[in-house]
């Protein structure tokens, strides 16, 4: 792939670095106050069907942290990259994103830790085509307009998929759109395909009879998703970081033990068809795990591809941002 295909992602990394220079001293998130009553934790959330969106509706984190005198504030984002802008400026303490935003954040010198893996990501990203499309395989994307959110996990997935198909950057037309812009563009024919993540892919399939051209499982592309945390917060409040993970695990257990009830709840909260929610949850393979050797290797492969493709301007050692001690403690204490 030619290096200019990733010029926008490289600019994204540069923008993150610029944010740090401007706002590195502006820590308006949680404080280092001696008393928990002075602490607010800011949690990022995106999408409709994951553990954090469900927990927000159920106020599980509010209940858990209220006992510690800590206030919980939710911050909603359309995709992963804005999480890292907020982490860089101190406006966010915890969030959940795919792996590509982590790589861009690390390249941009954002001070954060990847504190747990939340999915293996094998079926988390898909390239979707509209009903009636003549596109049959990845090679048919040549000359087509493809919507994708820049810097997202679906962005890297798209280029890894194109690389497998032997397509170069000048053979496709990438249109950078957030999900709320990309879905209408797919529906009205403004774009020929859409690289996106769940629940958007499944929602498009169910609501418009769109088709999934390929996902990570089809292409053997593993892209773990992570919980991330602002490093200063984890260092100042190790106990609250563990509590965050314990609370996440508690909610996740509801997904595992009562999947039908959880799907019904989410469908009601978000006005979605319960069949859509059930399918998304089945594809998501939600977990809470340390970053094992397998996950670490998959994440490093993503970073290496970005470097080779020109998306980042330095070769990264992604293990530098991985921190397993908090999730190890959380899982040990929950047994």
C-alpha atoms as a PDB file:
ATOM      1  CA  UNK A   1       0.000   0.000   0.000  1.00  0.00           C
ATOM      2  CA  UNK A   2       1.258   3.511  -0.711  1.00  0.00           C
ATOM      3  CA  UNK A   3       2.063   5.704   2.232  1.00  0.00           C
ATOM      4  CA  UNK A   4      -0.369   8.479   1.357  1.00  0.00           C
ATOM      5  CA  UNK A   5      -3.378   6.227   2.041  1.00  0.00           C
ATOM      6  CA  UNK A   6      -2.834   6.847   5.720  1.00  0.00           C
ATOM      7  CA  UNK A   7      -2.041  10.564   5.558  1.00  0.00           C
ATOM      8  CA  UNK A   8      -5.221  11.436   7.456  1.00  0.00           C
ATOM      9  CA  UNK A   9      -4.396   9.030  10.254  1.00  0.00           C
ATOM     10  CA  UNK A  10      -0.900  10.457  10.467  1.00  0.00           C
ATOM     11  CA  UNK A  11      -2.412  13.918  10.765  1.00  0.00           C
ATOM     12  CA  UNK A  12      -4.672  12.563  13.493  1.00  0.00           C
ATOM     13  CA  UNK A  13      -1.637  11.408  15.467  1.00  0.00           C
ATOM     14  CA  UNK A  14      -0.013  14.806  15.001  1.00  0.00           C
ATOM     15  CA  UNK A  15      -3.186  16.481  16.213  1.00  0.00           C
ATOM     16  CA  UNK A  16      -3.123  14.389  19.356  1.00  0.00           C
ATOM     17  CA  UNK A  17       0.433  15.506  20.053  1.00  0.00           C
ATOM     18  CA  UNK A  18      -0.631  19.124  19.533  1.00  0.00           C
ATOM     19  CA  UNK A  19      -3.436  18.650  22.055  1.00  0.00           C
ATOM     20  CA  UNK A  20      -0.939  17.396  24.616  1.00  0.00           C
ATOM     21  CA  UNK A  21       1.317  20.411  24.137  1.00  0.00           C
ATOM     22  CA  UNK A  22      -1.617  22.773  24.596  1.00  0.00           C
ATOM     23  CA  UNK A  23      -3.484  21.009  27.388  1.00  0.00           C
ATOM     24  CA  UNK A  24      -0.998  18.808  29.203  1.00  0.00           C
ATOM     25  CA  UNK A  25      -1.307  20.957  32.297  1.00  0.00           C
ATOM     26  CA  UNK A  26      -5.067  21.330  32.077  1.00  0.00           C
ATOM     27  CA  UNK A  27      -6.180  18.347  34.143  1.00  0.00           C
ATOM     28  CA  UNK A  28      -9.836  19.133  34.651  1.00  0.00           C
ATOM     29  CA  UNK A  29     -10.855  15.520  35.147  1.00  0.00           C
ATOM     30  CA  UNK A  30     -10.349  13.747  38.468  1.00  0.00           C
ATOM     31  CA  UNK A  31      -8.105  15.372  41.054  1.00  0.00           C
ATOM     32  CA  UNK A  32      -5.461  14.218  43.500  1.00  0.00           C
ATOM     33  CA  UNK A  33      -7.535  15.348  46.450  1.00  0.00           C
ATOM     34  CA  UNK A  34      -7.031  13.538  49.726  1.00  0.00           C
ATOM     35  CA  UNK A  35     -10.709  12.741  50.077  1.00  0.00           C
ATOM     36  CA  UNK A  36     -12.741  10.631  47.676  1.00  0.00           C
ATOM     37  CA  UNK A  37     -15.609  13.087  47.966  1.00  0.00           C
ATOM     38  CA  UNK A  38     -13.560  15.492  45.856  1.00  0.00           C
ATOM     39  CA  UNK A  39     -13.039  12.964  43.063  1.00  0.00           C
ATOM     40  CA  UNK A  40     -14.992  12.684  39.832  1.00  0.00           C
ATOM     41  CA  UNK A  41     -14.337   9.871  37.386  1.00  0.00           C
ATOM     42  CA  UNK A  42     -15.048  10.635  33.758  1.00  0.00           C
ATOM     43  CA  UNK A  43     -15.983   7.580  31.689  1.00  0.00           C
ATOM     44  CA  UNK A  44     -16.140   7.572  27.895  1.00  0.00           C
ATOM     45  CA  UNK A  45     -18.869   5.638  26.125  1.00  0.00           C
ATOM     46  CA  UNK A  46     -19.701   4.953  22.485  1.00  0.00           C
ATOM     47  CA  UNK A  47     -22.254   2.830  20.688  1.00  0.00           C
ATOM     48  CA  UNK A  48     -25.418   1.290  22.080  1.00  0.00           C
ATOM     49  CA  UNK A  49     -24.839  -2.358  22.879  1.00  0.00           C
ATOM     50  CA  UNK A  50     -21.636  -2.694  24.891  1.00  0.00           C
ATOM     51  CA  UNK A  51     -21.030  -3.116  28.593  1.00  0.00           C
ATOM     52  CA  UNK A  52     -20.472   0.575  29.311  1.00  0.00           C
ATOM     53  CA  UNK A  53     -23.603   1.857  27.502  1.00  0.00           C
ATOM     54  CA  UNK A  54     -25.663  -0.767  29.345  1.00  0.00           C
ATOM     55  CA  UNK A  55     -24.049   0.098  32.675  1.00  0.00           C
ATOM     56  CA  UNK A  56     -24.788   3.788  32.137  1.00  0.00           C
ATOM     57  CA  UNK A  57     -28.486   3.036  31.683  1.00  0.00           C
ATOM     58  CA  UNK A  58     -28.505   0.822  34.775  1.00  0.00           C
ATOM     59  CA  UNK A  59     -26.407   3.296  36.825  1.00  0.00           C
ATOM     60  CA  UNK A  60     -24.199   0.448  38.034  1.00  0.00           C
ATOM     61  CA  UNK A  61     -21.032   2.547  38.205  1.00  0.00           C
ATOM     62  CA  UNK A  62     -22.840   5.320  40.049  1.00  0.00           C
ATOM     63  CA  UNK A  63     -23.917   2.835  42.707  1.00  0.00           C
ATOM     64  CA  UNK A  64     -20.471   1.262  43.031  1.00  0.00           C
ATOM     65  CA  UNK A  65     -18.599   4.558  43.327  1.00  0.00           C
ATOM     66  CA  UNK A  66     -21.191   6.270  45.498  1.00  0.00           C
ATOM     67  CA  UNK A  67     -20.059   4.015  48.330  1.00  0.00           C
ATOM     68  CA  UNK A  68     -16.599   5.571  47.937  1.00  0.00           C
ATOM     69  CA  UNK A  69     -17.956   9.106  47.749  1.00  0.00           C
ATOM     70  CA  UNK A  70     -16.926   9.392  44.105  1.00  0.00           C
ATOM     71  CA  UNK A  71     -19.024  11.056  41.409  1.00  0.00           C
ATOM     72  CA  UNK A  72     -19.389   9.439  37.961  1.00  0.00           C
ATOM     73  CA  UNK A  73     -19.711  11.534  34.784  1.00  0.00           C
ATOM     74  CA  UNK A  74     -20.341   9.963  31.381  1.00  0.00           C
ATOM     75  CA  UNK A  75     -18.892  11.366  28.161  1.00  0.00           C
ATOM     76  CA  UNK A  76     -20.335  10.159  24.852  1.00  0.00           C
ATOM     77  CA  UNK A  77     -18.189   9.836  21.722  1.00  0.00           C
ATOM     78  CA  UNK A  78     -18.999   8.800  18.158  1.00  0.00           C
ATOM     79  CA  UNK A  79     -15.836   6.712  17.803  1.00  0.00           C
ATOM     80  CA  UNK A  80     -12.556   5.809  19.474  1.00  0.00           C
ATOM     81  CA  UNK A  81     -10.183   8.639  18.439  1.00  0.00           C
ATOM     82  CA  UNK A  82     -11.992  11.415  20.380  1.00  0.00           C
ATOM     83  CA  UNK A  83     -11.434   9.390  23.561  1.00  0.00           C
ATOM     84  CA  UNK A  84      -7.725  10.059  23.227  1.00  0.00           C
ATOM     85  CA  UNK A  85      -8.167  13.768  22.671  1.00  0.00           C
ATOM     86  CA  UNK A  86     -10.106  13.787  25.954  1.00  0.00           C
ATOM     87  CA  UNK A  87      -7.505  11.623  27.716  1.00  0.00           C
ATOM     88  CA  UNK A  88      -4.758  13.958  26.511  1.00  0.00           C
ATOM     89  CA  UNK A  89      -6.514  17.022  27.918  1.00  0.00           C
ATOM     90  CA  UNK A  90      -7.381  15.353  31.242  1.00  0.00           C
ATOM     91  CA  UNK A  91     -11.115  15.391  30.539  1.00  0.00           C
ATOM     92  CA  UNK A  92     -11.413  11.600  30.551  1.00  0.00           C
ATOM     93  CA  UNK A  93     -10.257   8.909  32.960  1.00  0.00           C
ATOM     94  CA  UNK A  94     -11.591   5.669  31.447  1.00  0.00           C
ATOM     95  CA  UNK A  95     -12.906   4.520  28.094  1.00  0.00           C
ATOM     96  CA  UNK A  96     -13.350   1.555  25.772  1.00  0.00           C
ATOM     97  CA  UNK A  97     -12.106   1.558  22.166  1.00  0.00           C
ATOM     98  CA  UNK A  98     -10.751  -0.610  19.400  1.00  0.00           C
ATOM     99  CA  UNK A  99      -7.026  -1.068  18.937  1.00  0.00           C
ATOM    100  CA  UNK A 100      -6.340   1.455  16.172  1.00  0.00           C
ATOM    101  CA  UNK A 101      -7.137   4.526  18.312  1.00  0.00           C
ATOM    102  CA  UNK A 102      -4.728   3.149  20.940  1.00  0.00           C
ATOM    103  CA  UNK A 103      -1.974   2.982  18.360  1.00  0.00           C
ATOM    104  CA  UNK A 104      -2.635   6.521  17.138  1.00  0.00           C
ATOM    105  CA  UNK A 105      -2.790   7.704  20.749  1.00  0.00           C
ATOM    106  CA  UNK A 106       0.525   6.069  21.619  1.00  0.00           C
ATOM    107  CA  UNK A 107       2.089   7.507  18.475  1.00  0.00           C
ATOM    108  CA  UNK A 108       0.795  10.919  19.534  1.00  0.00           C
ATOM    109  CA  UNK A 109       2.360  10.549  23.017  1.00  0.00           C
ATOM    110  CA  UNK A 110      -0.930  10.472  24.892  1.00  0.00           C
ATOM    111  CA  UNK A 111      -0.246   9.333  28.455  1.00  0.00           C
ATOM    112  CA  UNK A 112      -2.548   6.351  28.946  1.00  0.00           C
ATOM    113  CA  UNK A 113      -2.585   2.668  29.822  1.00  0.00           C
ATOM    114  CA  UNK A 114      -4.449  -0.218  28.212  1.00  0.00           C
ATOM    115  CA  UNK A 115      -5.773  -1.848  31.372  1.00  0.00           C
ATOM    116  CA  UNK A 116      -7.789  -4.777  29.962  1.00  0.00           C
ATOM    117  CA  UNK A 117      -8.995  -6.492  26.798  1.00  0.00           C
ATOM    118  CA  UNK A 118     -12.755  -6.441  26.225  1.00  0.00           C
ATOM    119  CA  UNK A 119     -13.051  -8.455  22.986  1.00  0.00           C
ATOM    120  CA  UNK A 120     -10.864 -10.431  20.606  1.00  0.00           C
ATOM    121  CA  UNK A 121     -12.303  -8.250  17.848  1.00  0.00           C
ATOM    122  CA  UNK A 122     -12.508 -11.043  15.294  1.00  0.00           C
ATOM    123  CA  UNK A 123     -16.042 -10.099  14.237  1.00  0.00           C
ATOM    124  CA  UNK A 124     -16.081  -6.544  15.505  1.00  0.00           C
ATOM    125  CA  UNK A 125     -15.393  -4.852  12.153  1.00  0.00           C
ATOM    126  CA  UNK A 126     -17.044  -5.451   8.785  1.00  0.00           C
ATOM    127  CA  UNK A 127     -17.178  -4.031   5.288  1.00  0.00           C
ATOM    128  CA  UNK A 128     -20.862  -3.625   4.468  1.00  0.00           C
ATOM    129  CA  UNK A 129     -22.399  -3.243   1.014  1.00  0.00           C
ATOM    130  CA  UNK A 130     -25.964  -2.106   0.243  1.00  0.00           C
ATOM    131  CA  UNK A 131     -28.798  -4.312  -0.937  1.00  0.00           C
ATOM    132  CA  UNK A 132     -28.517  -5.059  -4.641  1.00  0.00           C
ATOM    133  CA  UNK A 133     -24.819  -4.210  -4.844  1.00  0.00           C
ATOM    134  CA  UNK A 134     -22.872  -5.875  -7.639  1.00  0.00           C
ATOM    135  CA  UNK A 135     -19.815  -6.107  -5.394  1.00  0.00           C
ATOM    136  CA  UNK A 136     -19.078  -9.794  -4.786  1.00  0.00           C
ATOM    137  CA  UNK A 137     -15.617  -9.799  -3.221  1.00  0.00           C
ATOM    138  CA  UNK A 138     -12.952  -7.409  -1.986  1.00  0.00           C
ATOM    139  CA  UNK A 139     -11.353  -7.018  -5.418  1.00  0.00           C
ATOM    140  CA  UNK A 140     -14.636  -5.556  -6.657  1.00  0.00           C
ATOM    141  CA  UNK A 141     -14.024  -2.549  -4.393  1.00  0.00           C
ATOM    142  CA  UNK A 142     -11.622  -1.218  -7.031  1.00  0.00           C
ATOM    143  CA  UNK A 143     -12.825   2.208  -8.125  1.00  0.00           C
ATOM    144  CA  UNK A 144     -15.526   2.334  -5.439  1.00  0.00           C
ATOM    145  CA  UNK A 145     -16.327   4.910  -2.764  1.00  0.00           C
ATOM    146  CA  UNK A 146     -15.899   3.457   0.727  1.00  0.00           C
ATOM    147  CA  UNK A 147     -17.073   5.243   3.864  1.00  0.00           C
ATOM    148  CA  UNK A 148     -15.108   4.874   7.103  1.00  0.00           C
ATOM    149  CA  UNK A 149     -14.394   6.871  10.269  1.00  0.00           C
ATOM    150  CA  UNK A 150     -10.772   7.975  10.190  1.00  0.00           C
ATOM    151  CA  UNK A 151      -8.513   6.636  12.909  1.00  0.00           C
ATOM    152  CA  UNK A 152     -11.068   4.034  14.000  1.00  0.00           C
ATOM    153  CA  UNK A 153     -10.541   0.283  14.255  1.00  0.00           C
ATOM    154  CA  UNK A 154     -12.602  -0.040  11.066  1.00  0.00           C
ATOM    155  CA  UNK A 155     -10.140   2.256   9.272  1.00  0.00           C
ATOM    156  CA  UNK A 156      -7.192  -0.028   9.875  1.00  0.00           C
ATOM    157  CA  UNK A 157      -9.373  -3.061   9.181  1.00  0.00           C
ATOM    158  CA  UNK A 158     -10.337  -1.609   5.797  1.00  0.00           C
ATOM    159  CA  UNK A 159      -6.747  -1.132   4.707  1.00  0.00           C
ATOM    160  CA  UNK A 160      -5.667  -4.545   5.962  1.00  0.00           C
ATOM    161  CA  UNK A 161      -8.549  -6.044   3.972  1.00  0.00           C
ATOM    162  CA  UNK A 162      -7.602  -4.083   0.850  1.00  0.00           C
ATOM    163  CA  UNK A 163      -3.996  -5.153   1.286  1.00  0.00           C
ATOM    164  CA  UNK A 164      -5.094  -8.791   1.279  1.00  0.00           C
ATOM    165  CA  UNK A 165      -7.034  -8.134  -1.933  1.00  0.00           C
ATOM    166  CA  UNK A 166      -3.995  -6.575  -3.586  1.00  0.00           C
ATOM    167  CA  UNK A 167      -5.619  -3.163  -3.978  1.00  0.00           C
ATOM    168  CA  UNK A 168      -3.649   0.074  -3.766  1.00  0.00           C
ATOM    169  CA  UNK A 169      -4.756   3.444  -2.459  1.00  0.00           C
ATOM    170  CA  UNK A 170      -5.201   5.017  -5.879  1.00  0.00           C
ATOM    171  CA  UNK A 171      -7.656   2.263  -6.834  1.00  0.00           C
ATOM    172  CA  UNK A 172     -10.265   3.215  -4.214  1.00  0.00           C
ATOM    173  CA  UNK A 173     -11.976   6.396  -3.038  1.00  0.00           C
ATOM    174  CA  UNK A 174     -12.128   6.614   0.752  1.00  0.00           C
ATOM    175  CA  UNK A 175     -14.790   8.940   2.166  1.00  0.00           C
ATOM    176  CA  UNK A 176     -14.155   9.792   5.809  1.00  0.00           C
ATOM    177  CA  UNK A 177     -17.488   9.743   7.639  1.00  0.00           C
ATOM    178  CA  UNK A 178     -18.615   9.081  11.202  1.00  0.00           C
ATOM    179  CA  UNK A 179     -21.271   6.351  11.601  1.00  0.00           C
ATOM    180  CA  UNK A 180     -24.197   8.780  11.778  1.00  0.00           C
ATOM    181  CA  UNK A 181     -23.055  10.205   8.412  1.00  0.00           C
ATOM    182  CA  UNK A 182     -21.951   6.960   6.791  1.00  0.00           C
ATOM    183  CA  UNK A 183     -25.182   5.035   7.235  1.00  0.00           C
ATOM    184  CA  UNK A 184     -27.310   7.559   5.266  1.00  0.00           C
ATOM    185  CA  UNK A 185     -24.583   7.709   2.619  1.00  0.00           C
ATOM    186  CA  UNK A 186     -24.737   3.935   2.213  1.00  0.00           C
ATOM    187  CA  UNK A 187     -28.530   3.962   2.129  1.00  0.00           C
ATOM    188  CA  UNK A 188     -28.809   6.673  -0.530  1.00  0.00           C
ATOM    189  CA  UNK A 189     -26.015   5.356  -2.733  1.00  0.00           C
ATOM    190  CA  UNK A 190     -23.525   8.149  -2.085  1.00  0.00           C
ATOM    191  CA  UNK A 191     -20.967   5.477  -1.179  1.00  0.00           C
ATOM    192  CA  UNK A 192     -20.598   1.923  -2.454  1.00  0.00           C
ATOM    193  CA  UNK A 193     -19.432   0.309   0.784  1.00  0.00           C
ATOM    194  CA  UNK A 194     -18.921   1.096   4.458  1.00  0.00           C
ATOM    195  CA  UNK A 195     -16.205  -0.190   6.766  1.00  0.00           C
ATOM    196  CA  UNK A 196     -17.564  -0.018  10.295  1.00  0.00           C
ATOM    197  CA  UNK A 197     -17.852  -1.743  13.643  1.00  0.00           C
ATOM    198  CA  UNK A 198     -20.645  -3.214  15.703  1.00  0.00           C
ATOM    199  CA  UNK A 199     -23.488  -2.503  16.241  1.00  0.00           C
ATOM    200  CA  UNK A 200     -23.553  -0.414  13.057  1.00  0.00           C
ATOM    201  CA  UNK A 201     -22.786  -3.267  10.664  1.00  0.00           C
ATOM    202  CA  UNK A 202     -25.473  -5.598  11.980  1.00  0.00           C
ATOM    203  CA  UNK A 203     -28.000  -2.761  12.243  1.00  0.00           C
ATOM    204  CA  UNK A 204     -27.497  -1.935   8.556  1.00  0.00           C
ATOM    205  CA  UNK A 205     -27.882  -5.596   7.605  1.00  0.00           C
ATOM    206  CA  UNK A 206     -31.148  -6.007   9.510  1.00  0.00           C
ATOM    207  CA  UNK A 207     -32.719  -2.660   8.698  1.00  0.00           C
ATOM    208  CA  UNK A 208     -31.840  -2.297   5.014  1.00  0.00           C
ATOM    209  CA  UNK A 209     -30.898  -5.817   3.884  1.00  0.00           C
ATOM    210  CA  UNK A 210     -27.317  -4.681   3.412  1.00  0.00           C
ATOM    211  CA  UNK A 211     -24.733  -7.469   3.297  1.00  0.00           C
ATOM    212  CA  UNK A 212     -21.454  -8.040   5.072  1.00  0.00           C
ATOM    213  CA  UNK A 213     -18.767  -8.412   2.423  1.00  0.00           C
ATOM    214  CA  UNK A 214     -16.113  -9.492   4.923  1.00  0.00           C
ATOM    215  CA  UNK A 215     -15.313  -9.309   8.620  1.00  0.00           C
ATOM    216  CA  UNK A 216     -12.188  -9.984  10.651  1.00  0.00           C
ATOM    217  CA  UNK A 217     -13.030 -13.638  11.089  1.00  0.00           C
ATOM    218  CA  UNK A 218     -13.359 -14.085   7.321  1.00  0.00           C
ATOM    219  CA  UNK A 219      -9.959 -12.487   6.753  1.00  0.00           C
ATOM    220  CA  UNK A 220      -8.212 -13.813   9.870  1.00  0.00           C
ATOM    221  CA  UNK A 221      -7.666 -10.278  11.152  1.00  0.00           C
ATOM    222  CA  UNK A 222      -7.652 -10.182  14.946  1.00  0.00           C
ATOM    223  CA  UNK A 223      -8.169  -6.722  16.384  1.00  0.00           C
ATOM    224  CA  UNK A 224      -8.568  -6.745  20.187  1.00  0.00           C
ATOM    225  CA  UNK A 225     -10.565  -4.003  21.876  1.00  0.00           C
ATOM    226  CA  UNK A 226      -9.408  -2.450  25.130  1.00  0.00           C
ATOM    227  CA  UNK A 227     -10.321  -0.545  28.231  1.00  0.00           C
ATOM    228  CA  UNK A 228      -8.022   2.453  28.525  1.00  0.00           C
ATOM    229  CA  UNK A 229      -7.247   4.743  31.434  1.00  0.00           C
ATOM    230  CA  UNK A 230      -5.431   8.012  31.982  1.00  0.00           C
ATOM    231  CA  UNK A 231      -2.063   7.151  33.520  1.00  0.00           C
ATOM    232  CA  UNK A 232      -2.168   9.889  36.173  1.00  0.00           C
ATOM    233  CA  UNK A 233      -5.505   8.599  37.421  1.00  0.00           C
ATOM    234  CA  UNK A 234      -4.306   5.008  37.698  1.00  0.00           C
ATOM    235  CA  UNK A 235      -1.213   6.104  39.615  1.00  0.00           C
ATOM    236  CA  UNK A 236      -3.112   8.366  42.012  1.00  0.00           C
ATOM    237  CA  UNK A 237      -6.113   6.077  42.500  1.00  0.00           C
ATOM    238  CA  UNK A 238      -5.110   2.456  42.115  1.00  0.00           C
ATOM    239  CA  UNK A 239      -8.024   1.324  44.286  1.00  0.00           C
ATOM    240  CA  UNK A 240     -10.558   3.172  42.141  1.00  0.00           C
ATOM    241  CA  UNK A 241      -9.004   1.771  38.969  1.00  0.00           C
ATOM    242  CA  UNK A 242      -9.475  -1.736  40.349  1.00  0.00           C
ATOM    243  CA  UNK A 243     -13.027  -0.838  41.393  1.00  0.00           C
ATOM    244  CA  UNK A 244     -13.757   0.370  37.863  1.00  0.00           C
ATOM    245  CA  UNK A 245     -12.673  -3.002  36.497  1.00  0.00           C
ATOM    246  CA  UNK A 246     -14.550  -4.935  39.173  1.00  0.00           C
ATOM    247  CA  UNK A 247     -17.699  -3.028  38.295  1.00  0.00           C
ATOM    248  CA  UNK A 248     -17.165  -3.646  34.593  1.00  0.00           C
ATOM    249  CA  UNK A 249     -16.767  -7.370  35.300  1.00  0.00           C
ATOM    250  CA  UNK A 250     -19.966  -7.370  37.351  1.00  0.00           C
ATOM    251  CA  UNK A 251     -21.923  -5.906  34.437  1.00  0.00           C
ATOM    252  CA  UNK A 252     -20.240  -8.255  31.967  1.00  0.00           C
ATOM    253  CA  UNK A 253     -21.384 -11.187  34.074  1.00  0.00           C
ATOM    254  CA  UNK A 254     -24.970 -10.072  33.498  1.00  0.00           C
ATOM    255  CA  UNK A 255     -24.337 -10.306  29.751  1.00  0.00           C
ATOM    256  CA  UNK A 256     -23.011 -13.844  30.218  1.00  0.00           C
ATOM    257  CA  UNK A 257     -25.587 -15.122  32.716  1.00  0.00           C
ATOM    258  CA  UNK A 258     -28.710 -13.414  31.354  1.00  0.00           C
ATOM    259  CA  UNK A 259     -28.132 -12.659  27.636  1.00  0.00           C
ATOM    260  CA  UNK A 260     -31.814 -12.626  26.697  1.00  0.00           C
ATOM    261  CA  UNK A 261     -32.760 -10.200  29.461  1.00  0.00           C
ATOM    262  CA  UNK A 262     -29.814  -7.939  28.662  1.00  0.00           C
ATOM    263  CA  UNK A 263     -30.723  -7.918  24.968  1.00  0.00           C
ATOM    264  CA  UNK A 264     -34.310  -7.015  25.832  1.00  0.00           C
ATOM    265  CA  UNK A 265     -33.135  -4.190  28.090  1.00  0.00           C
ATOM    266  CA  UNK A 266     -30.761  -2.749  25.493  1.00  0.00           C
ATOM    267  CA  UNK A 267     -33.414  -2.980  22.793  1.00  0.00           C
ATOM    268  CA  UNK A 268     -35.744  -0.995  25.026  1.00  0.00           C
ATOM    269  CA  UNK A 269     -33.133   1.594  25.998  1.00  0.00           C
ATOM    270  CA  UNK A 270     -32.040   2.257  22.412  1.00  0.00           C
ATOM    271  CA  UNK A 271     -35.288   1.551  20.536  1.00  0.00           C
ATOM    272  CA  UNK A 272     -33.672  -1.288  18.592  1.00  0.00           C
ATOM    273  CA  UNK A 273     -35.038  -4.596  17.381  1.00  0.00           C
ATOM    274  CA  UNK A 274     -34.126  -7.226  19.972  1.00  0.00           C
ATOM    275  CA  UNK A 275     -32.963  -9.536  17.173  1.00  0.00           C
ATOM    276  CA  UNK A 276     -30.401  -6.931  16.137  1.00  0.00           C
ATOM    277  CA  UNK A 277     -29.113  -6.606  19.682  1.00  0.00           C
ATOM    278  CA  UNK A 278     -28.927 -10.372  20.161  1.00  0.00           C
ATOM    279  CA  UNK A 279     -26.929 -10.781  16.952  1.00  0.00           C
ATOM    280  CA  UNK A 280     -24.545  -7.969  17.862  1.00  0.00           C
ATOM    281  CA  UNK A 281     -23.894  -9.459  21.293  1.00  0.00           C
ATOM    282  CA  UNK A 282     -23.247 -12.883  19.784  1.00  0.00           C
ATOM    283  CA  UNK A 283     -20.691 -11.378  17.397  1.00  0.00           C
ATOM    284  CA  UNK A 284     -19.015  -9.204  20.017  1.00  0.00           C
ATOM    285  CA  UNK A 285     -17.503 -11.994  22.143  1.00  0.00           C
ATOM    286  CA  UNK A 286     -17.344  -9.712  25.173  1.00  0.00           C
ATOM    287  CA  UNK A 287     -14.705 -10.561  27.770  1.00  0.00           C
ATOM    288  CA  UNK A 288     -12.622  -8.960  30.490  1.00  0.00           C
ATOM    289  CA  UNK A 289      -9.076 -10.234  30.279  1.00  0.00           C
ATOM    290  CA  UNK A 290      -5.492  -9.207  30.817  1.00  0.00           C
ATOM    291  CA  UNK A 291      -3.615  -8.545  27.605  1.00  0.00           C
ATOM    292  CA  UNK A 292      -2.343 -12.062  27.028  1.00  0.00           C
ATOM    293  CA  UNK A 293       0.525 -12.909  24.710  1.00  0.00           C
ATOM    294  CA  UNK A 294      -1.961 -13.689  21.929  1.00  0.00           C
ATOM    295  CA  UNK A 295      -3.752 -10.356  22.304  1.00  0.00           C
ATOM    296  CA  UNK A 296      -0.453  -8.487  22.594  1.00  0.00           C
ATOM    297  CA  UNK A 297       0.841 -10.052  19.380  1.00  0.00           C
ATOM    298  CA  UNK A 298      -2.367  -9.212  17.507  1.00  0.00           C
ATOM    299  CA  UNK A 299      -2.223  -5.601  18.695  1.00  0.00           C
ATOM    300  CA  UNK A 300       1.459  -5.299  17.763  1.00  0.00           C
ATOM    301  CA  UNK A 301       0.657  -6.633  14.286  1.00  0.00           C
ATOM    302  CA  UNK A 302      -1.922  -3.861  13.897  1.00  0.00           C
ATOM    303  CA  UNK A 303       0.681  -1.254  14.861  1.00  0.00           C
ATOM    304  CA  UNK A 304       3.293  -2.753  12.542  1.00  0.00           C
ATOM    305  CA  UNK A 305       0.839  -2.612   9.642  1.00  0.00           C
ATOM    306  CA  UNK A 306       0.075   1.027  10.391  1.00  0.00           C
ATOM    307  CA  UNK A 307       3.784   1.837  10.404  1.00  0.00           C
ATOM    308  CA  UNK A 308       4.392  -0.036   7.154  1.00  0.00           C
ATOM    309  CA  UNK A 309       1.451   1.735   5.538  1.00  0.00           C
ATOM    310  CA  UNK A 310       2.561   5.201   6.646  1.00  0.00           C
ATOM    311  CA  UNK A 311      -0.250   5.713   9.151  1.00  0.00           C
ATOM    312  CA  UNK A 312       2.211   6.404  11.952  1.00  0.00           C
ATOM    313  CA  UNK A 313       5.716   7.774  11.551  1.00  0.00           C
ATOM    314  CA  UNK A 314       7.481   5.594  14.104  1.00  0.00           C
ATOM    315  CA  UNK A 315       7.657   1.908  14.881  1.00  0.00           C
ATOM    316  CA  UNK A 316       5.949   1.323  18.216  1.00  0.00           C
ATOM    317  CA  UNK A 317       6.455  -1.158  21.001  1.00  0.00           C
ATOM    318  CA  UNK A 318       2.812  -1.452  21.997  1.00  0.00           C
ATOM    319  CA  UNK A 319       3.699  -3.339  25.181  1.00  0.00           C
ATOM    320  CA  UNK A 320       4.808   0.000  26.639  1.00  0.00           C
ATOM    321  CA  UNK A 321       1.192   1.078  27.195  1.00  0.00           C
ATOM    322  CA  UNK A 322      -0.131  -2.275  28.407  1.00  0.00           C
ATOM    323  CA  UNK A 323      -0.721  -2.617  32.163  1.00  0.00           C
ATOM    324  CA  UNK A 324      -2.244  -5.832  33.474  1.00  0.00           C
ATOM    325  CA  UNK A 325      -1.850  -5.407  37.231  1.00  0.00           C
ATOM    326  CA  UNK A 326      -5.213  -3.705  37.755  1.00  0.00           C
ATOM    327  CA  UNK A 327      -7.284  -6.280  35.889  1.00  0.00           C
ATOM    328  CA  UNK A 328      -5.332  -9.100  37.510  1.00  0.00           C
ATOM    329  CA  UNK A 329      -6.265  -7.693  40.917  1.00  0.00           C
ATOM    330  CA  UNK A 330      -9.871  -7.064  39.902  1.00  0.00           C
ATOM    331  CA  UNK A 331     -10.387 -10.582  38.598  1.00  0.00           C
ATOM    332  CA  UNK A 332      -8.631 -12.135  41.574  1.00  0.00           C
ATOM    333  CA  UNK A 333     -10.775 -10.275  44.087  1.00  0.00           C
ATOM    334  CA  UNK A 334     -13.995 -11.082  42.204  1.00  0.00           C
ATOM    335  CA  UNK A 335     -13.457 -14.839  42.345  1.00  0.00           C
END
